Amino acid sequence: MCYHAALRYSSVSTIMKFPGKRKSKHYFPVNARDPLLQQIQPEQETNASWVVGIDQTLVDIEAKVDDDFITRYGLSAGHSLVIEDEVAEKLYQELTRENLITHQFAGGTIGNTMHNYSVLADDRSVLLGVMCSNIEIAATLIATCVILPAVPT
């Protein structure tokens, strides 16, 4: 099994969001295209290129937890670490049972990079993904956990 946890400690919950496709201005690639002309001028497939990534696919999970939760599972905030199968399963069960999960996303370092590239550059990319086993939502945890402590209200 492949389990991975990345903890990020913050006293304030912040979620970085990407604004979506940029049609009016391109930051990269350097040959910015006019989005209006692009609709009537199809790309030359002979000159087309793809950004390709190979990665083990993961699920990124964001959850709000307190310091006791982090201590109970032997985790440490601000670090990326590999956790045992049993710990990952118990951790995920508690997150689900207590309704602590705020978001779940397709993840993995290269997968995230490919997505961000395509969104920010409005260009093509492809991920050749590898899974170490079938992902069964709410049954098996194959995840990168981004765990944020609960913020006092």
C-alpha atoms as a PDB file:
ATOM      1  CA  MET A   1       0.000   0.000   0.000  1.00  0.00           C
ATOM      2  CA  CYS A   2       1.110   3.583  -0.551  1.00  0.00           C
ATOM      3  CA  TYR A   3       0.120   6.002   2.144  1.00  0.00           C
ATOM      4  CA  HIS A   4       1.508   9.447   2.572  1.00  0.00           C
ATOM      5  CA  ALA A   5       0.625  12.304   4.893  1.00  0.00           C
ATOM      6  CA  ALA A   6       1.655  15.918   4.593  1.00  0.00           C
ATOM      7  CA  LEU A   7       0.725  18.128   7.526  1.00  0.00           C
ATOM      8  CA  ARG A   8       0.594  21.884   7.312  1.00  0.00           C
ATOM      9  CA  TYR A   9       0.066  23.814  10.544  1.00  0.00           C
ATOM     10  CA  SER A  10      -1.666  27.151  10.391  1.00  0.00           C
ATOM     11  CA  SER A  11      -3.544  29.162  12.976  1.00  0.00           C
ATOM     12  CA  VAL A  12      -5.814  30.431  10.207  1.00  0.00           C
ATOM     13  CA  SER A  13      -7.396  28.154   7.630  1.00  0.00           C
ATOM     14  CA  THR A  14      -6.280  29.154   4.164  1.00  0.00           C
ATOM     15  CA  ILE A  15      -6.960  27.331   0.939  1.00  0.00           C
ATOM     16  CA  MET A  16      -5.062  28.227  -2.206  1.00  0.00           C
ATOM     17  CA  LYS A  17      -7.337  28.230  -5.223  1.00  0.00           C
ATOM     18  CA  PHE A  18      -6.360  28.621  -8.834  1.00  0.00           C
ATOM     19  CA  PRO A  19      -8.527  31.064 -10.773  1.00  0.00           C
ATOM     20  CA  GLY A  20      -9.246  28.822 -13.750  1.00  0.00           C
ATOM     21  CA  LYS A  21      -8.267  29.174 -17.377  1.00  0.00           C
ATOM     22  CA  ARG A  22      -6.776  32.480 -18.385  1.00  0.00           C
ATOM     23  CA  LYS A  23      -8.162  33.356 -21.809  1.00  0.00           C
ATOM     24  CA  SER A  24      -7.051  36.984 -22.073  1.00  0.00           C
ATOM     25  CA  LYS A  25      -3.398  36.847 -21.002  1.00  0.00           C
ATOM     26  CA  HIS A  26      -0.867  34.042 -21.074  1.00  0.00           C
ATOM     27  CA  TYR A  27       2.058  33.986 -18.675  1.00  0.00           C
ATOM     28  CA  PHE A  28       3.565  30.940 -20.347  1.00  0.00           C
ATOM     29  CA  PRO A  29       4.245  29.567 -22.899  1.00  0.00           C
ATOM     30  CA  VAL A  30       5.951  32.661 -24.195  1.00  0.00           C
ATOM     31  CA  ASN A  31       4.153  32.616 -27.560  1.00  0.00           C
ATOM     32  CA  ALA A  32       0.856  34.023 -26.236  1.00  0.00           C
ATOM     33  CA  ARG A  33      -2.112  33.266 -28.466  1.00  0.00           C
ATOM     34  CA  ASP A  34      -5.056  35.513 -29.197  1.00  0.00           C
ATOM     35  CA  PRO A  35      -8.037  33.583 -27.744  1.00  0.00           C
ATOM     36  CA  LEU A  36     -10.427  35.038 -30.346  1.00  0.00           C
ATOM     37  CA  LEU A  37      -8.257  33.993 -33.284  1.00  0.00           C
ATOM     38  CA  GLN A  38      -7.599  30.605 -31.707  1.00  0.00           C
ATOM     39  CA  GLN A  39     -11.254  29.668 -32.273  1.00  0.00           C
ATOM     40  CA  ILE A  40     -10.967  30.135 -36.034  1.00  0.00           C
ATOM     41  CA  GLN A  41      -7.366  28.994 -36.490  1.00  0.00           C
ATOM     42  CA  PRO A  42      -7.006  25.340 -35.444  1.00  0.00           C
ATOM     43  CA  GLU A  43      -3.647  24.303 -34.043  1.00  0.00           C
ATOM     44  CA  GLN A  44      -1.291  22.503 -36.362  1.00  0.00           C
ATOM     45  CA  GLU A  45      -1.186  18.964 -34.972  1.00  0.00           C
ATOM     46  CA  THR A  46       2.218  18.412 -36.564  1.00  0.00           C
ATOM     47  CA  ASN A  47       3.652  21.201 -34.408  1.00  0.00           C
ATOM     48  CA  ALA A  48       1.647  20.363 -31.297  1.00  0.00           C
ATOM     49  CA  SER A  49       3.448  19.232 -28.193  1.00  0.00           C
ATOM     50  CA  TRP A  50       2.316  17.848 -24.886  1.00  0.00           C
ATOM     51  CA  VAL A  51       3.714  18.184 -21.396  1.00  0.00           C
ATOM     52  CA  VAL A  52       3.751  14.637 -19.989  1.00  0.00           C
ATOM     53  CA  GLY A  53       4.113  13.590 -16.362  1.00  0.00           C
ATOM     54  CA  ILE A  54       4.426  10.164 -14.742  1.00  0.00           C
ATOM     55  CA  ASP A  55       3.317   9.824 -11.129  1.00  0.00           C
ATOM     56  CA  GLN A  56       1.743   7.553  -8.574  1.00  0.00           C
ATOM     57  CA  THR A  57      -1.782   8.938  -8.317  1.00  0.00           C
ATOM     58  CA  LEU A  58      -3.035   9.985  -4.903  1.00  0.00           C
ATOM     59  CA  VAL A  59      -6.017  11.645  -3.287  1.00  0.00           C
ATOM     60  CA  ASP A  60      -5.319  14.898  -1.414  1.00  0.00           C
ATOM     61  CA  ILE A  61      -7.512  15.229   1.662  1.00  0.00           C
ATOM     62  CA  GLU A  62      -7.941  18.462   3.612  1.00  0.00           C
ATOM     63  CA  ALA A  63      -9.386  18.229   7.115  1.00  0.00           C
ATOM     64  CA  LYS A  64      -9.660  20.504  10.134  1.00  0.00           C
ATOM     65  CA  VAL A  65      -8.265  18.823  13.260  1.00  0.00           C
ATOM     66  CA  ASP A  66      -6.873  19.841  16.633  1.00  0.00           C
ATOM     67  CA  ASP A  67      -3.427  19.220  18.143  1.00  0.00           C
ATOM     68  CA  ASP A  68      -4.749  16.173  20.035  1.00  0.00           C
ATOM     69  CA  PHE A  69      -5.648  14.505  16.729  1.00  0.00           C
ATOM     70  CA  ILE A  70      -2.122  15.063  15.402  1.00  0.00           C
ATOM     71  CA  THR A  71      -0.567  13.672  18.601  1.00  0.00           C
ATOM     72  CA  ARG A  72      -2.956  10.684  18.749  1.00  0.00           C
ATOM     73  CA  TYR A  73      -1.807   9.458  15.337  1.00  0.00           C
ATOM     74  CA  GLY A  74       1.897  10.179  15.900  1.00  0.00           C
ATOM     75  CA  LEU A  75       1.961  12.876  13.240  1.00  0.00           C
ATOM     76  CA  SER A  76       3.840  16.163  13.185  1.00  0.00           C
ATOM     77  CA  ALA A  77       2.630  19.431  11.706  1.00  0.00           C
ATOM     78  CA  GLY A  78       4.594  20.996   8.879  1.00  0.00           C
ATOM     79  CA  HIS A  79       6.120  17.761   7.618  1.00  0.00           C
ATOM     80  CA  SER A  80       5.519  15.252   4.880  1.00  0.00           C
ATOM     81  CA  LEU A  81       5.755  11.678   6.118  1.00  0.00           C
ATOM     82  CA  VAL A  82       4.879   8.105   5.222  1.00  0.00           C
ATOM     83  CA  ILE A  83       2.420   6.438   7.598  1.00  0.00           C
ATOM     84  CA  GLU A  84       1.623   2.768   8.213  1.00  0.00           C
ATOM     85  CA  ASP A  85      -1.422   1.163   6.600  1.00  0.00           C
ATOM     86  CA  GLU A  86      -3.204   0.616   9.938  1.00  0.00           C
ATOM     87  CA  VAL A  87      -2.623   4.219  11.046  1.00  0.00           C
ATOM     88  CA  ALA A  88      -3.848   5.549   7.702  1.00  0.00           C
ATOM     89  CA  GLU A  89      -7.004   3.431   7.872  1.00  0.00           C
ATOM     90  CA  LYS A  90      -7.829   4.511  11.462  1.00  0.00           C
ATOM     91  CA  LEU A  91      -7.027   8.133  10.636  1.00  0.00           C
ATOM     92  CA  TYR A  92      -9.318   8.127   7.601  1.00  0.00           C
ATOM     93  CA  GLN A  93     -12.116   6.365   9.504  1.00  0.00           C
ATOM     94  CA  GLU A  94     -12.016   9.023  12.238  1.00  0.00           C
ATOM     95  CA  LEU A  95     -11.897  11.868   9.710  1.00  0.00           C
ATOM     96  CA  THR A  96     -14.954  10.401   7.984  1.00  0.00           C
ATOM     97  CA  ARG A  97     -16.863   9.463  11.154  1.00  0.00           C
ATOM     98  CA  GLU A  98     -16.351  12.908  12.731  1.00  0.00           C
ATOM     99  CA  ASN A  99     -17.042  14.721   9.425  1.00  0.00           C
ATOM    100  CA  LEU A 100     -13.663  16.513   9.577  1.00  0.00           C
ATOM    101  CA  ILE A 101     -12.850  16.312   5.857  1.00  0.00           C
ATOM    102  CA  THR A 102     -13.291  19.658   4.125  1.00  0.00           C
ATOM    103  CA  HIS A 103     -12.076  18.740   0.613  1.00  0.00           C
ATOM    104  CA  GLN A 104     -10.840  15.731  -1.384  1.00  0.00           C
ATOM    105  CA  PHE A 105      -8.966  16.233  -4.651  1.00  0.00           C
ATOM    106  CA  ALA A 106      -7.067  14.162  -7.153  1.00  0.00           C
ATOM    107  CA  GLY A 107      -3.470  14.704  -6.163  1.00  0.00           C
ATOM    108  CA  GLY A 108       0.144  13.693  -6.322  1.00  0.00           C
ATOM    109  CA  THR A 109       3.059  15.998  -6.987  1.00  0.00           C
ATOM    110  CA  ILE A 110       3.229  15.517 -10.735  1.00  0.00           C
ATOM    111  CA  GLY A 111      -0.555  15.300 -11.138  1.00  0.00           C
ATOM    112  CA  ASN A 112      -0.939  18.652  -9.385  1.00  0.00           C
ATOM    113  CA  THR A 113       1.847  20.128 -11.518  1.00  0.00           C
ATOM    114  CA  MET A 114       0.210  18.933 -14.755  1.00  0.00           C
ATOM    115  CA  HIS A 115      -3.143  20.363 -13.676  1.00  0.00           C
ATOM    116  CA  ASN A 116      -1.648  23.714 -12.675  1.00  0.00           C
ATOM    117  CA  TYR A 117       0.323  23.934 -15.913  1.00  0.00           C
ATOM    118  CA  SER A 118      -2.776  23.291 -18.036  1.00  0.00           C
ATOM    119  CA  VAL A 119      -4.906  25.762 -16.079  1.00  0.00           C
ATOM    120  CA  LEU A 120      -2.354  28.560 -15.950  1.00  0.00           C
ATOM    121  CA  ALA A 121      -0.958  28.119 -19.467  1.00  0.00           C
ATOM    122  CA  ASP A 122      -4.222  27.087 -21.129  1.00  0.00           C
ATOM    123  CA  ASP A 123      -2.185  24.323 -22.742  1.00  0.00           C
ATOM    124  CA  ARG A 124      -2.295  20.547 -22.957  1.00  0.00           C
ATOM    125  CA  SER A 125      -0.739  18.144 -20.513  1.00  0.00           C
ATOM    126  CA  VAL A 126      -1.231  14.471 -19.754  1.00  0.00           C
ATOM    127  CA  LEU A 127      -0.578  12.409 -16.627  1.00  0.00           C
ATOM    128  CA  LEU A 128       0.457   8.781 -16.931  1.00  0.00           C
ATOM    129  CA  GLY A 129      -0.704   7.616 -13.521  1.00  0.00           C
ATOM    130  CA  VAL A 130       0.183   4.561 -11.507  1.00  0.00           C
ATOM    131  CA  MET A 131      -1.932   3.206  -8.651  1.00  0.00           C
ATOM    132  CA  CYS A 132      -0.640   0.761  -6.077  1.00  0.00           C
ATOM    133  CA  SER A 133      -4.157  -0.653  -5.559  1.00  0.00           C
ATOM    134  CA  ASN A 134      -7.777   0.149  -6.306  1.00  0.00           C
ATOM    135  CA  ILE A 135      -9.011   3.316  -4.635  1.00  0.00           C
ATOM    136  CA  GLU A 136     -12.262   2.726  -2.783  1.00  0.00           C
ATOM    137  CA  ILE A 137     -13.603   5.984  -1.409  1.00  0.00           C
ATOM    138  CA  ALA A 138     -14.489   5.716   2.292  1.00  0.00           C
ATOM    139  CA  ALA A 139     -12.951   2.247   2.470  1.00  0.00           C
ATOM    140  CA  THR A 140      -9.251   2.612   1.684  1.00  0.00           C
ATOM    141  CA  LEU A 141      -6.994   5.587   2.213  1.00  0.00           C
ATOM    142  CA  ILE A 142      -4.491   6.218  -0.524  1.00  0.00           C
ATOM    143  CA  ALA A 143      -3.978   9.840   0.204  1.00  0.00           C
ATOM    144  CA  THR A 144      -1.895  12.849   0.861  1.00  0.00           C
ATOM    145  CA  CYS A 145      -3.516  14.350   3.922  1.00  0.00           C
ATOM    146  CA  VAL A 146      -3.247  18.098   4.283  1.00  0.00           C
ATOM    147  CA  ILE A 147      -4.436  18.497   7.842  1.00  0.00           C
ATOM    148  CA  LEU A 148      -5.217  21.951   9.193  1.00  0.00           C
ATOM    149  CA  PRO A 149      -5.939  22.393  12.911  1.00  0.00           C
ATOM    150  CA  ALA A 150      -9.400  23.548  13.898  1.00  0.00           C
ATOM    151  CA  VAL A 151      -9.649  27.307  14.134  1.00  0.00           C
ATOM    152  CA  PRO A 152     -11.300  28.657  17.315  1.00  0.00           C
ATOM    153  CA  THR A 153     -14.530  30.480  16.516  1.00  0.00           C
END
